[in-house]
Amino acid sequence: FTGDLHEFPKGFSQFAQQADLLVSEAAEPAALENLAKRVGNGDKN
């Protein structure tokens, strides 16, 4: 399980080497502005 992360750290490849299953988080950049509008209480950033 990757947990939440901004980038895969050095050593991740060895840590996950030939794992039977990788459960990873992911974000879709193109949809984040719409998400921010729907949530509605964050600032411009």
All heavy atoms as atom14 arrays in JSON, in Angstrom:
{
  "sequence": "FTGDLHEFPKGFSQFAQQADLLVSEAAEPAALENLAKRVGNGDKN",
  "atom14_mask": [
    [1, 1, 1, 1, 1, 1, 1, 1, 1, 1, 1, 0, 0, 0],
    [1, 1, 1, 1, 1, 1, 1, 0, 0, 0, 0, 0, 0, 0],
    [1, 1, 1, 1, 0, 0, 0, 0, 0, 0, 0, 0, 0, 0],
    [1, 1, 1, 1, 1, 1, 1, 1, 0, 0, 0, 0, 0, 0],
    [1, 1, 1, 1, 1, 1, 1, 1, 0, 0, 0, 0, 0, 0],
    [1, 1, 1, 1, 1, 1, 1, 1, 1, 1, 0, 0, 0, 0],
    [1, 1, 1, 1, 1, 1, 1, 1, 1, 0, 0, 0, 0, 0],
    [1, 1, 1, 1, 1, 1, 1, 1, 1, 1, 1, 0, 0, 0],
    [1, 1, 1, 1, 1, 1, 1, 0, 0, 0, 0, 0, 0, 0],
    [1, 1, 1, 1, 1, 1, 1, 1, 1, 0, 0, 0, 0, 0],
    [1, 1, 1, 1, 0, 0, 0, 0, 0, 0, 0, 0, 0, 0],
    [1, 1, 1, 1, 1, 1, 1, 1, 1, 1, 1, 0, 0, 0],
    [1, 1, 1, 1, 1, 1, 0, 0, 0, 0, 0, 0, 0, 0],
    [1, 1, 1, 1, 1, 1, 1, 1, 1, 0, 0, 0, 0, 0],
    [1, 1, 1, 1, 1, 1, 1, 1, 1, 1, 1, 0, 0, 0],
    [1, 1, 1, 1, 1, 0, 0, 0, 0, 0, 0, 0, 0, 0],
    [1, 1, 1, 1, 1, 1, 1, 1, 1, 0, 0, 0, 0, 0],
    [1, 1, 1, 1, 1, 1, 1, 1, 1, 0, 0, 0, 0, 0],
    [1, 1, 1, 1, 1, 0, 0, 0, 0, 0, 0, 0, 0, 0],
    [1, 1, 1, 1, 1, 1, 1, 1, 0, 0, 0, 0, 0, 0],
    [1, 1, 1, 1, 1, 1, 1, 1, 0, 0, 0, 0, 0, 0],
    [1, 1, 1, 1, 1, 1, 1, 1, 0, 0, 0, 0, 0, 0],
    [1, 1, 1, 1, 1, 1, 1, 0, 0, 0, 0, 0, 0, 0],
    [1, 1, 1, 1, 1, 1, 0, 0, 0, 0, 0, 0, 0, 0],
    [1, 1, 1, 1, 1, 1, 1, 1, 1, 0, 0, 0, 0, 0],
    [1, 1, 1, 1, 1, 0, 0, 0, 0, 0, 0, 0, 0, 0],
    [1, 1, 1, 1, 1, 0, 0, 0, 0, 0, 0, 0, 0, 0],
    [1, 1, 1, 1, 1, 1, 1, 1, 1, 0, 0, 0, 0, 0],
    [1, 1, 1, 1, 1, 1, 1, 0, 0, 0, 0, 0, 0, 0],
    [1, 1, 1, 1, 1, 0, 0, 0, 0, 0, 0, 0, 0, 0],
    [1, 1, 1, 1, 1, 0, 0, 0, 0, 0, 0, 0, 0, 0],
    [1, 1, 1, 1, 1, 1, 1, 1, 0, 0, 0, 0, 0, 0],
    [1, 1, 1, 1, 1, 1, 1, 1, 1, 0, 0, 0, 0, 0],
    [1, 1, 1, 1, 1, 1, 1, 1, 0, 0, 0, 0, 0, 0],
    [1, 1, 1, 1, 1, 1, 1, 1, 0, 0, 0, 0, 0, 0],
    [1, 1, 1, 1, 1, 0, 0, 0, 0, 0, 0, 0, 0, 0],
    [1, 1, 1, 1, 1, 1, 1, 1, 1, 0, 0, 0, 0, 0],
    [1, 1, 1, 1, 1, 1, 1, 1, 1, 1, 1, 0, 0, 0],
    [1, 1, 1, 1, 1, 1, 1, 0, 0, 0, 0, 0, 0, 0],
    [1, 1, 1, 1, 0, 0, 0, 0, 0, 0, 0, 0, 0, 0],
    [1, 1, 1, 1, 1, 1, 1, 1, 0, 0, 0, 0, 0, 0],
    [1, 1, 1, 1, 0, 0, 0, 0, 0, 0, 0, 0, 0, 0],
    [1, 1, 1, 1, 1, 1, 1, 1, 0, 0, 0, 0, 0, 0],
    [1, 1, 1, 1, 1, 1, 1, 1, 1, 0, 0, 0, 0, 0],
    [1, 1, 1, 1, 1, 1, 1, 1, 0, 0, 0, 0, 0, 0]
  ],
  "atom14_positions": [
    [[0.86, -1.18, 0.0], [0.0, 0.0, 0.0], [0.9, 1.23, 0.0], [1.75, 1.37, 0.87], [-0.9, 0.02, 1.24], [-2.02, -0.97, 1.23], [-1.8, -2.29, 1.59], [-3.31, -0.58, 0.87], [-2.84, -3.21, 1.58], [-4.35, -1.49, 0.85], [-4.12, -2.82, 1.21], [0.0, 0.0, 0.0], [0.0, 0.0, 0.0], [0.0, 0.0, 0.0]],
    [[0.69, 2.12, -0.95], [1.56, 3.3, -1.05], [1.28, 4.33, 0.03], [2.14, 5.13, 0.36], [1.4, 3.99, -2.41], [0.07, 4.52, -2.53], [1.68, 3.03, -3.55], [0.0, 0.0, 0.0], [0.0, 0.0, 0.0], [0.0, 0.0, 0.0], [0.0, 0.0, 0.0], [0.0, 0.0, 0.0], [0.0, 0.0, 0.0], [0.0, 0.0, 0.0]],
    [[0.04, 4.35, 0.58], [-0.36, 5.5, 1.36], [-0.43, 6.71, 0.44], [-0.41, 6.59, -0.79], [0.0, 0.0, 0.0], [0.0, 0.0, 0.0], [0.0, 0.0, 0.0], [0.0, 0.0, 0.0], [0.0, 0.0, 0.0], [0.0, 0.0, 0.0], [0.0, 0.0, 0.0], [0.0, 0.0, 0.0], [0.0, 0.0, 0.0], [0.0, 0.0, 0.0]],
    [[-0.5, 7.9, 1.02], [-0.51, 9.14, 0.23], [0.92, 9.63, 0.06], [1.69, 9.66, 1.01], [-1.33, 10.22, 0.94], [-2.82, 9.92, 0.91], [-3.2, 8.8, 0.52], [-3.6, 10.81, 1.31], [0.0, 0.0, 0.0], [0.0, 0.0, 0.0], [0.0, 0.0, 0.0], [0.0, 0.0, 0.0], [0.0, 0.0, 0.0], [0.0, 0.0, 0.0]],
    [[1.24, 10.08, -1.15], [2.6, 10.55, -1.39], [2.62, 11.45, -2.63], [1.8, 11.29, -3.53], [3.56, 9.38, -1.56], [3.46, 8.46, -2.78], [4.65, 7.5, -2.81], [2.17, 7.65, -2.85], [0.0, 0.0, 0.0], [0.0, 0.0, 0.0], [0.0, 0.0, 0.0], [0.0, 0.0, 0.0], [0.0, 0.0, 0.0], [0.0, 0.0, 0.0]],
    [[3.57, 12.39, -2.62], [3.7, 13.32, -3.74], [4.58, 12.75, -4.84], [4.42, 13.11, -6.02], [4.27, 14.65, -3.25], [4.56, 15.62, -4.36], [3.58, 16.11, -5.18], [5.73, 16.18, -4.79], [4.12, 16.94, -6.08], [5.41, 16.99, -5.86], [0.0, 0.0, 0.0], [0.0, 0.0, 0.0], [0.0, 0.0, 0.0], [0.0, 0.0, 0.0]],
    [[5.5, 11.9, -4.48], [6.35, 11.22, -5.45], [6.82, 9.92, -4.83], [6.8, 9.76, -3.6], [7.55, 12.09, -5.84], [8.47, 12.42, -4.68], [9.6, 13.36, -5.06], [9.45, 14.1, -6.06], [10.62, 13.37, -4.36], [0.0, 0.0, 0.0], [0.0, 0.0, 0.0], [0.0, 0.0, 0.0], [0.0, 0.0, 0.0], [0.0, 0.0, 0.0]],
    [[7.2, 8.97, -5.65], [7.68, 7.71, -5.13], [9.13, 7.87, -4.68], [9.98, 8.32, -5.45], [7.56, 6.61, -6.18], [6.13, 6.2, -6.42], [5.38, 6.81, -7.41], [5.54, 5.22, -5.64], [4.06, 6.45, -7.62], [4.21, 4.84, -5.83], [3.48, 5.46, -6.83], [0.0, 0.0, 0.0], [0.0, 0.0, 0.0], [0.0, 0.0, 0.0]],
    [[9.42, 7.55, -3.43], [10.75, 7.81, -2.9], [11.8, 6.85, -3.45], [11.49, 5.77, -3.97], [10.57, 7.59, -1.39], [9.48, 6.57, -1.31], [8.54, 6.9, -2.44], [0.0, 0.0, 0.0], [0.0, 0.0, 0.0], [0.0, 0.0, 0.0], [0.0, 0.0, 0.0], [0.0, 0.0, 0.0], [0.0, 0.0, 0.0], [0.0, 0.0, 0.0]],
    [[13.04, 7.27, -3.33], [14.14, 6.38, -3.67], [14.03, 5.14, -2.78], [13.83, 5.23, -1.59], [15.47, 7.1, -3.41], [16.7, 6.28, -3.77], [17.97, 7.08, -3.51], [19.2, 6.26, -3.88], [20.46, 7.04, -3.61], [0.0, 0.0, 0.0], [0.0, 0.0, 0.0], [0.0, 0.0, 0.0], [0.0, 0.0, 0.0], [0.0, 0.0, 0.0]],
    [[14.15, 4.02, -3.37], [14.01, 2.78, -2.61], [12.65, 2.13, -2.74], [12.45, 1.0, -2.3], [0.0, 0.0, 0.0], [0.0, 0.0, 0.0], [0.0, 0.0, 0.0], [0.0, 0.0, 0.0], [0.0, 0.0, 0.0], [0.0, 0.0, 0.0], [0.0, 0.0, 0.0], [0.0, 0.0, 0.0], [0.0, 0.0, 0.0], [0.0, 0.0, 0.0]],
    [[11.68, 2.86, -3.35], [10.35, 2.26, -3.46], [10.37, 1.04, -4.37], [9.68, 0.05, -4.1], [9.33, 3.28, -3.97], [7.93, 2.72, -4.05], [7.13, 2.7, -2.92], [7.44, 2.17, -5.23], [5.85, 2.15, -2.97], [6.17, 1.62, -5.28], [5.38, 1.61, -4.15], [0.0, 0.0, 0.0], [0.0, 0.0, 0.0], [0.0, 0.0, 0.0]],
    [[11.13, 1.11, -5.45], [11.17, -0.01, -6.39], [11.63, -1.29, -5.69], [11.06, -2.36, -5.9], [12.11, 0.32, -7.56], [12.18, -0.76, -8.47], [0.0, 0.0, 0.0], [0.0, 0.0, 0.0], [0.0, 0.0, 0.0], [0.0, 0.0, 0.0], [0.0, 0.0, 0.0], [0.0, 0.0, 0.0], [0.0, 0.0, 0.0], [0.0, 0.0, 0.0]],
    [[12.64, -1.17, -4.85], [13.1, -2.34, -4.1], [12.07, -2.76, -3.05], [11.83, -3.95, -2.84], [14.44, -2.03, -3.41], [15.02, -3.21, -2.63], [16.36, -2.87, -2.0], [16.89, -1.77, -2.19], [16.91, -3.8, -1.25], [0.0, 0.0, 0.0], [0.0, 0.0, 0.0], [0.0, 0.0, 0.0], [0.0, 0.0, 0.0], [0.0, 0.0, 0.0]],
    [[11.46, -1.78, -2.41], [10.46, -2.05, -1.37], [9.29, -2.85, -1.94], [8.77, -3.77, -1.28], [9.97, -0.72, -0.81], [8.99, -0.82, 0.33], [9.41, -1.16, 1.61], [7.64, -0.57, 0.12], [8.51, -1.24, 2.67], [6.73, -0.64, 1.17], [7.17, -0.99, 2.45], [0.0, 0.0, 0.0], [0.0, 0.0, 0.0], [0.0, 0.0, 0.0]],
    [[8.87, -2.51, -3.17], [7.7, -3.14, -3.78], [8.07, -4.2, -4.82], [7.2, -4.7, -5.53], [6.82, -2.08, -4.43], [0.0, 0.0, 0.0], [0.0, 0.0, 0.0], [0.0, 0.0, 0.0], [0.0, 0.0, 0.0], [0.0, 0.0, 0.0], [0.0, 0.0, 0.0], [0.0, 0.0, 0.0], [0.0, 0.0, 0.0], [0.0, 0.0, 0.0]],
    [[9.33, -4.56, -4.91], [9.83, -5.43, -5.96], [9.01, -6.72, -6.07], [8.87, -7.48, -5.13], [11.3, -5.76, -5.74], [11.97, -6.49, -6.91], [12.08, -5.63, -8.16], [12.02, -6.13, -9.28], [12.22, -4.33, -7.97], [0.0, 0.0, 0.0], [0.0, 0.0, 0.0], [0.0, 0.0, 0.0], [0.0, 0.0, 0.0], [0.0, 0.0, 0.0]],
    [[8.44, -6.91, -7.28], [7.69, -8.12, -7.64], [6.54, -8.42, -6.66], [6.19, -9.58, -6.44], [8.64, -9.32, -7.77], [9.62, -9.16, -8.9], [10.46, -10.4, -9.14], [10.6, -11.26, -8.27], [11.03, -10.5, -10.33], [0.0, 0.0, 0.0], [0.0, 0.0, 0.0], [0.0, 0.0, 0.0], [0.0, 0.0, 0.0], [0.0, 0.0, 0.0]],
    [[5.97, -7.38, -6.1], [4.8, -7.57, -5.24], [3.66, -8.17, -6.05], [3.49, -7.88, -7.24], [4.37, -6.24, -4.63], [0.0, 0.0, 0.0], [0.0, 0.0, 0.0], [0.0, 0.0, 0.0], [0.0, 0.0, 0.0], [0.0, 0.0, 0.0], [0.0, 0.0, 0.0], [0.0, 0.0, 0.0], [0.0, 0.0, 0.0], [0.0, 0.0, 0.0]],
    [[2.87, -9.01, -5.42], [1.71, -9.59, -6.09], [0.64, -8.54, -6.34], [-0.12, -8.65, -7.31], [1.14, -10.73, -5.23], [2.09, -11.9, -5.14], [2.16, -12.69, -6.1], [2.78, -12.02, -4.1], [0.0, 0.0, 0.0], [0.0, 0.0, 0.0], [0.0, 0.0, 0.0], [0.0, 0.0, 0.0], [0.0, 0.0, 0.0], [0.0, 0.0, 0.0]],
    [[0.59, -7.54, -5.47], [-0.44, -6.51, -5.6], [0.08, -5.18, -5.07], [0.61, -5.11, -3.96], [-1.69, -6.93, -4.8], [-2.89, -5.98, -4.84], [-3.45, -5.88, -6.25], [-3.97, -6.48, -3.88], [0.0, 0.0, 0.0], [0.0, 0.0, 0.0], [0.0, 0.0, 0.0], [0.0, 0.0, 0.0], [0.0, 0.0, 0.0], [0.0, 0.0, 0.0]],
    [[-0.06, -4.14, -5.89], [0.25, -2.78, -5.47], [-1.04, -2.0, -5.42], [-1.74, -1.85, -6.42], [1.21, -2.12, -6.47], [1.49, -0.62, -6.25], [2.23, -0.39, -4.94], [2.28, -0.03, -7.42], [0.0, 0.0, 0.0], [0.0, 0.0, 0.0], [0.0, 0.0, 0.0], [0.0, 0.0, 0.0], [0.0, 0.0, 0.0], [0.0, 0.0, 0.0]],
    [[-1.39, -1.5, -4.23], [-2.57, -0.66, -4.05], [-2.06, 0.77, -3.91], [-1.44, 1.12, -2.9], [-3.38, -1.07, -2.81], [-4.64, -0.2, -2.7], [-3.76, -2.54, -2.88], [0.0, 0.0, 0.0], [0.0, 0.0, 0.0], [0.0, 0.0, 0.0], [0.0, 0.0, 0.0], [0.0, 0.0, 0.0], [0.0, 0.0, 0.0], [0.0, 0.0, 0.0]],
    [[-2.31, 1.57, -4.92], [-1.73, 2.92, -4.96], [-2.8, 3.99, -5.05], [-3.85, 3.81, -5.68], [-0.81, 3.06, -6.18], [-0.26, 4.38, -6.26], [0.0, 0.0, 0.0], [0.0, 0.0, 0.0], [0.0, 0.0, 0.0], [0.0, 0.0, 0.0], [0.0, 0.0, 0.0], [0.0, 0.0, 0.0], [0.0, 0.0, 0.0], [0.0, 0.0, 0.0]],
    [[-2.52, 5.09, -4.43], [-3.36, 6.28, -4.61], [-3.08, 6.9, -5.96], [-2.09, 6.56, -6.63], [-3.05, 7.29, -3.5], [-1.69, 7.94, -3.62], [-1.77, 9.46, -3.48], [-2.87, 10.02, -3.5], [-0.71, 10.08, -3.36], [0.0, 0.0, 0.0], [0.0, 0.0, 0.0], [0.0, 0.0, 0.0], [0.0, 0.0, 0.0], [0.0, 0.0, 0.0]],
    [[-3.94, 7.82, -6.4], [-3.7, 8.56, -7.64], [-4.61, 9.77, -7.7], [-5.72, 9.77, -7.17], [-3.95, 7.66, -8.86], [0.0, 0.0, 0.0], [0.0, 0.0, 0.0], [0.0, 0.0, 0.0], [0.0, 0.0, 0.0], [0.0, 0.0, 0.0], [0.0, 0.0, 0.0], [0.0, 0.0, 0.0], [0.0, 0.0, 0.0], [0.0, 0.0, 0.0]],
    [[-4.12, 10.81, -8.38], [-4.89, 12.03, -8.59], [-4.97, 12.33, -10.08], [-4.05, 12.0, -10.84], [-4.25, 13.21, -7.86], [0.0, 0.0, 0.0], [0.0, 0.0, 0.0], [0.0, 0.0, 0.0], [0.0, 0.0, 0.0], [0.0, 0.0, 0.0], [0.0, 0.0, 0.0], [0.0, 0.0, 0.0], [0.0, 0.0, 0.0], [0.0, 0.0, 0.0]],
    [[-6.06, 12.95, -10.49], [-6.25, 13.38, -11.87], [-6.19, 14.9, -11.92], [-7.15, 15.58, -11.55], [-7.58, 12.87, -12.41], [-7.92, 13.36, -13.81], [-6.78, 13.2, -14.8], [-6.37, 12.05, -15.04], [-6.28, 14.24, -15.3], [0.0, 0.0, 0.0], [0.0, 0.0, 0.0], [0.0, 0.0, 0.0], [0.0, 0.0, 0.0], [0.0, 0.0, 0.0]],
    [[-5.04, 15.46, -12.34], [-4.86, 16.91, -12.29], [-5.95, 17.71, -13.0], [-6.37, 18.77, -12.52], [-3.5, 17.12, -12.97], [-2.77, 15.82, -12.76], [-3.83, 14.77, -12.83], [0.0, 0.0, 0.0], [0.0, 0.0, 0.0], [0.0, 0.0, 0.0], [0.0, 0.0, 0.0], [0.0, 0.0, 0.0], [0.0, 0.0, 0.0], [0.0, 0.0, 0.0]],
    [[-6.45, 17.2, -14.12], [-7.42, 17.95, -14.92], [-8.75, 18.16, -14.19], [-9.51, 19.06, -14.54], [-7.67, 17.24, -16.25], [0.0, 0.0, 0.0], [0.0, 0.0, 0.0], [0.0, 0.0, 0.0], [0.0, 0.0, 0.0], [0.0, 0.0, 0.0], [0.0, 0.0, 0.0], [0.0, 0.0, 0.0], [0.0, 0.0, 0.0], [0.0, 0.0, 0.0]],
    [[-9.02, 17.33, -13.18], [-10.3, 17.4, -12.49], [-10.23, 18.13, -11.15], [-11.25, 18.3, -10.48], [-10.84, 15.99, -12.26], [0.0, 0.0, 0.0], [0.0, 0.0, 0.0], [0.0, 0.0, 0.0], [0.0, 0.0, 0.0], [0.0, 0.0, 0.0], [0.0, 0.0, 0.0], [0.0, 0.0, 0.0], [0.0, 0.0, 0.0], [0.0, 0.0, 0.0]],
    [[-9.06, 18.61, -10.77], [-8.9, 19.17, -9.43], [-9.53, 20.55, -9.28], [-10.03, 20.9, -8.2], [-7.42, 19.2, -9.04], [-6.75, 17.82, -8.92], [-5.31, 17.96, -8.47], [-7.53, 16.92, -7.97], [0.0, 0.0, 0.0], [0.0, 0.0, 0.0], [0.0, 0.0, 0.0], [0.0, 0.0, 0.0], [0.0, 0.0, 0.0], [0.0, 0.0, 0.0]],
    [[-9.51, 21.36, -10.32], [-10.15, 22.67, -10.24], [-11.66, 22.52, -10.02], [-12.26, 23.24, -9.22], [-9.88, 23.49, -11.51], [-8.45, 24.01, -11.63], [-8.12, 25.09, -10.6], [-9.06, 25.6, -9.94], [-6.93, 25.41, -10.47], [0.0, 0.0, 0.0], [0.0, 0.0, 0.0], [0.0, 0.0, 0.0], [0.0, 0.0, 0.0], [0.0, 0.0, 0.0]],
    [[-12.26, 21.55, -10.72], [-13.69, 21.3, -10.54], [-13.97, 20.79, -9.13], [-14.97, 21.17, -8.51], [-14.18, 20.3, -11.58], [-15.67, 20.11, -11.54], [-16.42, 21.04, -11.29], [-16.12, 18.88, -11.77], [0.0, 0.0, 0.0], [0.0, 0.0, 0.0], [0.0, 0.0, 0.0], [0.0, 0.0, 0.0], [0.0, 0.0, 0.0], [0.0, 0.0, 0.0]],
    [[-13.09, 19.94, -8.61], [-13.24, 19.44, -7.24], [-13.19, 20.6, -6.25], [-14.01, 20.67, -5.32], [-12.14, 18.43, -6.92], [-12.07, 17.95, -5.47], [-13.35, 17.21, -5.07], [-10.85, 17.03, -5.27], [0.0, 0.0, 0.0], [0.0, 0.0, 0.0], [0.0, 0.0, 0.0], [0.0, 0.0, 0.0], [0.0, 0.0, 0.0], [0.0, 0.0, 0.0]],
    [[-12.25, 21.52, -6.45], [-12.13, 22.67, -5.55], [-13.41, 23.5, -5.56], [-13.87, 23.97, -4.51], [-10.93, 23.52, -5.97], [0.0, 0.0, 0.0], [0.0, 0.0, 0.0], [0.0, 0.0, 0.0], [0.0, 0.0, 0.0], [0.0, 0.0, 0.0], [0.0, 0.0, 0.0], [0.0, 0.0, 0.0], [0.0, 0.0, 0.0], [0.0, 0.0, 0.0]],
    [[-14.02, 23.66, -6.72], [-15.26, 24.42, -6.82], [-16.4, 23.71, -6.1], [-17.23, 24.34, -5.44], [-15.61, 24.66, -8.28], [-14.66, 25.61, -9.0], [-15.03, 25.74, -10.47], [-14.05, 26.65, -11.2], [-14.36, 26.75, -12.66], [0.0, 0.0, 0.0], [0.0, 0.0, 0.0], [0.0, 0.0, 0.0], [0.0, 0.0, 0.0], [0.0, 0.0, 0.0]],
    [[-16.46, 22.39, -6.23], [-17.54, 21.63, -5.6], [-17.42, 21.64, -4.08], [-18.42, 21.69, -3.37], [-17.55, 20.2, -6.13], [-18.09, 20.09, -7.55], [-18.26, 18.65, -7.98], [-16.99, 17.96, -8.13], [-16.73, 16.75, -7.67], [-17.64, 16.1, -6.97], [-15.56, 16.18, -7.87], [0.0, 0.0, 0.0], [0.0, 0.0, 0.0], [0.0, 0.0, 0.0]],
    [[-16.18, 21.57, -3.57], [-15.99, 21.64, -2.12], [-16.32, 23.04, -1.62], [-17.04, 23.22, -0.63], [-14.56, 21.23, -1.73], [-14.31, 21.45, -0.24], [-14.32, 19.76, -2.09], [0.0, 0.0, 0.0], [0.0, 0.0, 0.0], [0.0, 0.0, 0.0], [0.0, 0.0, 0.0], [0.0, 0.0, 0.0], [0.0, 0.0, 0.0], [0.0, 0.0, 0.0]],
    [[-15.74, 24.05, -2.27], [-16.21, 25.4, -2.1], [-15.66, 26.24, -0.96], [-15.94, 27.43, -0.9], [0.0, 0.0, 0.0], [0.0, 0.0, 0.0], [0.0, 0.0, 0.0], [0.0, 0.0, 0.0], [0.0, 0.0, 0.0], [0.0, 0.0, 0.0], [0.0, 0.0, 0.0], [0.0, 0.0, 0.0], [0.0, 0.0, 0.0], [0.0, 0.0, 0.0]],
    [[-14.88, 25.67, -0.05], [-14.41, 26.5, 1.07], [-12.9, 26.61, 1.16], [-12.36, 26.96, 2.21], [-14.98, 25.98, 2.4], [-14.47, 24.59, 2.77], [-13.89, 23.9, 1.93], [-14.67, 24.19, 4.01], [0.0, 0.0, 0.0], [0.0, 0.0, 0.0], [0.0, 0.0, 0.0], [0.0, 0.0, 0.0], [0.0, 0.0, 0.0], [0.0, 0.0, 0.0]],
    [[-12.21, 26.33, 0.06], [-10.77, 26.55, 0.02], [-10.44, 27.84, -0.71], [-11.3, 28.44, -1.35], [0.0, 0.0, 0.0], [0.0, 0.0, 0.0], [0.0, 0.0, 0.0], [0.0, 0.0, 0.0], [0.0, 0.0, 0.0], [0.0, 0.0, 0.0], [0.0, 0.0, 0.0], [0.0, 0.0, 0.0], [0.0, 0.0, 0.0], [0.0, 0.0, 0.0]],
    [[-9.19, 28.27, -0.6], [-8.79, 29.49, -1.3], [-8.37, 29.16, -2.73], [-8.52, 28.03, -3.21], [-7.7, 30.23, -0.53], [-6.39, 29.45, -0.43], [-6.19, 28.49, -1.2], [-5.56, 29.81, 0.42], [0.0, 0.0, 0.0], [0.0, 0.0, 0.0], [0.0, 0.0, 0.0], [0.0, 0.0, 0.0], [0.0, 0.0, 0.0], [0.0, 0.0, 0.0]],
    [[-7.83, 30.14, -3.42], [-7.49, 29.97, -4.83], [-6.39, 28.94, -5.05], [-6.19, 28.46, -6.18], [-7.06, 31.32, -5.43], [-5.8, 31.91, -4.8], [-5.45, 33.25, -5.42], [-4.17, 33.83, -4.81], [-3.82, 35.14, -5.41], [0.0, 0.0, 0.0], [0.0, 0.0, 0.0], [0.0, 0.0, 0.0], [0.0, 0.0, 0.0], [0.0, 0.0, 0.0]],
    [[-5.66, 28.59, -4.0], [-4.57, 27.63, -4.11], [-5.0, 26.2, -3.76], [-4.16, 25.31, -3.7], [-3.41, 28.04, -3.2], [-2.78, 29.36, -3.62], [-2.55, 29.58, -4.81], [-2.5, 30.22, -2.66], [0.0, 0.0, 0.0], [0.0, 0.0, 0.0], [0.0, 0.0, 0.0], [0.0, 0.0, 0.0], [0.0, 0.0, 0.0], [0.0, 0.0, 0.0]]
  ]
}
